[in-house]
Structures are given as C-alpha cells and as structure tokens.
Amino acid sequence: MPYRIDKTKDGYKLWNLKKKSYVNKIYKTKQAAINSGKNFMRYRREVPILKNGNYLYDKKSCNKK
C-alpha cells in the first residue's frame, strides 16, 4: 500500500493512499516515518520505493505506469 508522509504540528504522520486514513502513530522525524512505512510495506512483501521525498510506492506498481 502506498503512503504519503505529512508534516503536522506534532511531527510526521503516514497517510495511507488506498485506505484514505492516517496510521495511528506520530513520528518525531521524517526519516523515522519513512523507515516505518518501508517496514509496513516489507511486511506485505512489497518492495518500497521513495519518490519525491514524500511518497512511498510499491516497485511493481511503479513499473506498470
């Protein structure tokens, strides 16, 4: 599932682009949010790719376009 990294006043949050909802965790740094999103994707056996510094995509879905 792809994620978008959003900056909030408290820190960073992951927005799930397919479910249209936030993950229930606030991260202190952007790098922590990126690493967590990558781990979520690896758990589902997806290959995470960071694009534009703010979006995490699956490698397979990026190649289809």
N, C-alpha and C. Protein backbone atom coordinates (compact mmCIF):
# COMPACT_ATOMS: atom_id res chain seq x y z
N MET A 1 0.85 -1.17 0.00
CA MET A 1 0.00 0.00 0.00
C MET A 1 0.89 1.23 0.00
N PRO A 2 0.60 2.18 -0.84
CA PRO A 2 1.42 3.39 -0.87
C PRO A 2 1.09 4.33 0.29
N TYR A 3 2.08 5.10 0.68
CA TYR A 3 1.93 6.05 1.78
C TYR A 3 2.43 7.43 1.36
N ARG A 4 1.85 8.45 1.95
CA ARG A 4 2.33 9.82 1.82
C ARG A 4 2.77 10.27 3.20
N ILE A 5 3.89 10.99 3.28
CA ILE A 5 4.39 11.47 4.56
C ILE A 5 3.94 12.92 4.72
N ASP A 6 3.15 13.20 5.75
CA ASP A 6 2.63 14.54 6.02
C ASP A 6 3.26 15.10 7.28
N LYS A 7 3.60 16.40 7.23
CA LYS A 7 4.13 17.08 8.41
C LYS A 7 2.96 17.70 9.16
N THR A 8 2.86 17.42 10.45
CA THR A 8 1.85 18.03 11.30
C THR A 8 2.55 18.86 12.36
N LYS A 9 1.79 19.55 13.19
CA LYS A 9 2.43 20.38 14.22
C LYS A 9 3.13 19.54 15.28
N ASP A 10 2.71 18.28 15.44
CA ASP A 10 3.32 17.39 16.44
C ASP A 10 4.50 16.60 15.89
N GLY A 11 4.57 16.41 14.59
CA GLY A 11 5.63 15.61 13.99
C GLY A 11 5.24 15.20 12.58
N TYR A 12 5.45 13.94 12.25
CA TYR A 12 5.13 13.42 10.92
C TYR A 12 4.15 12.27 11.05
N LYS A 13 3.25 12.15 10.04
CA LYS A 13 2.28 11.06 10.01
C LYS A 13 2.29 10.41 8.63
N LEU A 14 1.94 9.14 8.59
CA LEU A 14 1.81 8.41 7.33
C LEU A 14 0.35 8.38 6.91
N TRP A 15 0.07 8.83 5.69
CA TRP A 15 -1.28 8.81 5.12
C TRP A 15 -1.33 7.63 4.15
N ASN A 16 -2.22 6.68 4.41
CA ASN A 16 -2.39 5.51 3.55
C ASN A 16 -3.23 5.94 2.35
N LEU A 17 -2.65 5.91 1.16
CA LEU A 17 -3.33 6.41 -0.03
C LEU A 17 -4.47 5.52 -0.49
N LYS A 18 -4.43 4.23 -0.18
CA LYS A 18 -5.52 3.34 -0.59
C LYS A 18 -6.69 3.39 0.38
N LYS A 19 -6.40 3.39 1.68
CA LYS A 19 -7.47 3.40 2.69
C LYS A 19 -7.96 4.81 3.00
N LYS A 20 -7.20 5.84 2.60
CA LYS A 20 -7.54 7.24 2.85
C LYS A 20 -7.66 7.54 4.34
N SER A 21 -6.66 7.07 5.10
CA SER A 21 -6.65 7.33 6.53
C SER A 21 -5.20 7.37 7.03
N TYR A 22 -5.02 7.98 8.20
CA TYR A 22 -3.69 8.06 8.80
C TYR A 22 -3.39 6.80 9.61
N VAL A 23 -2.11 6.48 9.69
CA VAL A 23 -1.63 5.43 10.58
C VAL A 23 -1.66 6.01 11.99
N ASN A 24 -1.99 5.20 12.98
CA ASN A 24 -2.17 5.69 14.36
C ASN A 24 -0.85 5.87 15.09
N LYS A 25 0.07 6.60 14.51
CA LYS A 25 1.37 6.84 15.13
C LYS A 25 1.87 8.19 14.65
N ILE A 26 2.45 8.96 15.56
CA ILE A 26 3.08 10.23 15.21
C ILE A 26 4.59 10.03 15.36
N TYR A 27 5.33 10.34 14.31
CA TYR A 27 6.78 10.15 14.29
C TYR A 27 7.47 11.49 14.53
N LYS A 28 8.59 11.46 15.26
CA LYS A 28 9.31 12.69 15.58
C LYS A 28 10.10 13.22 14.39
N THR A 29 10.62 12.32 13.56
CA THR A 29 11.42 12.75 12.41
C THR A 29 10.84 12.17 11.13
N LYS A 30 11.18 12.82 10.02
CA LYS A 30 10.72 12.34 8.72
C LYS A 30 11.35 10.99 8.40
N GLN A 31 12.61 10.82 8.76
CA GLN A 31 13.29 9.56 8.48
C GLN A 31 12.65 8.39 9.23
N ALA A 32 12.18 8.63 10.44
CA ALA A 32 11.50 7.58 11.21
C ALA A 32 10.20 7.18 10.52
N ALA A 33 9.47 8.16 9.98
CA ALA A 33 8.23 7.87 9.26
C ALA A 33 8.51 7.08 7.99
N ILE A 34 9.57 7.45 7.27
CA ILE A 34 9.94 6.74 6.05
C ILE A 34 10.30 5.29 6.37
N ASN A 35 11.13 5.10 7.39
CA ASN A 35 11.55 3.74 7.76
C ASN A 35 10.38 2.89 8.20
N SER A 36 9.45 3.47 8.92
CA SER A 36 8.28 2.72 9.37
C SER A 36 7.40 2.33 8.19
N GLY A 37 7.20 3.24 7.26
CA GLY A 37 6.43 2.93 6.05
C GLY A 37 7.07 1.82 5.24
N LYS A 38 8.40 1.85 5.15
CA LYS A 38 9.12 0.78 4.44
C LYS A 38 8.91 -0.55 5.14
N ASN A 39 8.95 -0.55 6.47
CA ASN A 39 8.73 -1.80 7.21
C ASN A 39 7.32 -2.33 7.02
N PHE A 40 6.31 -1.43 7.01
CA PHE A 40 4.94 -1.86 6.76
C PHE A 40 4.84 -2.53 5.39
N MET A 41 5.51 -1.95 4.39
CA MET A 41 5.43 -2.49 3.04
C MET A 41 6.19 -3.82 2.92
N ARG A 42 7.33 -3.92 3.58
CA ARG A 42 8.10 -5.18 3.54
C ARG A 42 7.32 -6.32 4.21
N TYR A 43 6.55 -5.99 5.23
CA TYR A 43 5.73 -7.00 5.91
C TYR A 43 4.73 -7.61 4.93
N ARG A 44 4.23 -6.81 4.00
CA ARG A 44 3.30 -7.30 2.98
C ARG A 44 4.02 -7.78 1.72
N ARG A 45 5.34 -7.96 1.82
CA ARG A 45 6.18 -8.44 0.73
C ARG A 45 6.14 -7.52 -0.49
N GLU A 46 6.05 -6.23 -0.25
CA GLU A 46 6.15 -5.23 -1.31
C GLU A 46 7.57 -4.67 -1.29
N VAL A 47 8.00 -4.13 -2.41
CA VAL A 47 9.33 -3.53 -2.50
C VAL A 47 9.14 -2.01 -2.45
N PRO A 48 9.52 -1.37 -1.33
CA PRO A 48 9.25 0.07 -1.18
C PRO A 48 10.22 0.93 -1.99
N ILE A 49 9.68 1.99 -2.59
CA ILE A 49 10.47 2.98 -3.31
C ILE A 49 10.02 4.35 -2.84
N LEU A 50 10.98 5.23 -2.52
CA LEU A 50 10.68 6.59 -2.10
C LEU A 50 10.75 7.49 -3.33
N LYS A 51 9.65 8.22 -3.61
CA LYS A 51 9.61 9.13 -4.75
C LYS A 51 9.31 10.53 -4.26
N ASN A 52 10.01 11.50 -4.80
CA ASN A 52 9.82 12.92 -4.49
C ASN A 52 10.01 13.24 -3.01
N GLY A 53 10.62 12.36 -2.26
CA GLY A 53 10.88 12.61 -0.85
C GLY A 53 9.66 12.53 0.05
N ASN A 54 8.47 12.32 -0.52
CA ASN A 54 7.26 12.32 0.30
C ASN A 54 6.35 11.13 0.06
N TYR A 55 6.58 10.31 -0.95
CA TYR A 55 5.67 9.23 -1.28
C TYR A 55 6.41 7.90 -1.29
N LEU A 56 5.84 6.89 -0.66
CA LEU A 56 6.36 5.53 -0.70
C LEU A 56 5.45 4.69 -1.59
N TYR A 57 6.03 4.06 -2.62
CA TYR A 57 5.27 3.24 -3.54
C TYR A 57 5.83 1.84 -3.59
N ASP A 58 5.03 0.92 -4.11
CA ASP A 58 5.49 -0.43 -4.37
C ASP A 58 6.20 -0.44 -5.72
N LYS A 59 7.32 -1.11 -5.81
CA LYS A 59 8.11 -1.13 -7.04
C LYS A 59 7.30 -1.71 -8.20
N LYS A 60 6.49 -2.73 -7.94
CA LYS A 60 5.70 -3.36 -9.00
C LYS A 60 4.67 -2.39 -9.57
N SER A 61 4.02 -1.60 -8.72
CA SER A 61 3.00 -0.68 -9.20
C SER A 61 3.63 0.49 -9.95
N CYS A 62 4.87 0.85 -9.65
CA CYS A 62 5.55 1.93 -10.36
C CYS A 62 5.92 1.52 -11.77
N ASN A 63 6.23 0.25 -11.98
CA ASN A 63 6.64 -0.22 -13.30
C ASN A 63 5.47 -0.37 -14.25
N LYS A 64 4.25 -0.45 -13.75
CA LYS A 64 3.07 -0.62 -14.59
C LYS A 64 2.74 0.64 -15.37
N LYS A 65 3.16 1.80 -14.87
CA LYS A 65 2.77 3.07 -15.49
C LYS A 65 3.59 3.38 -16.71
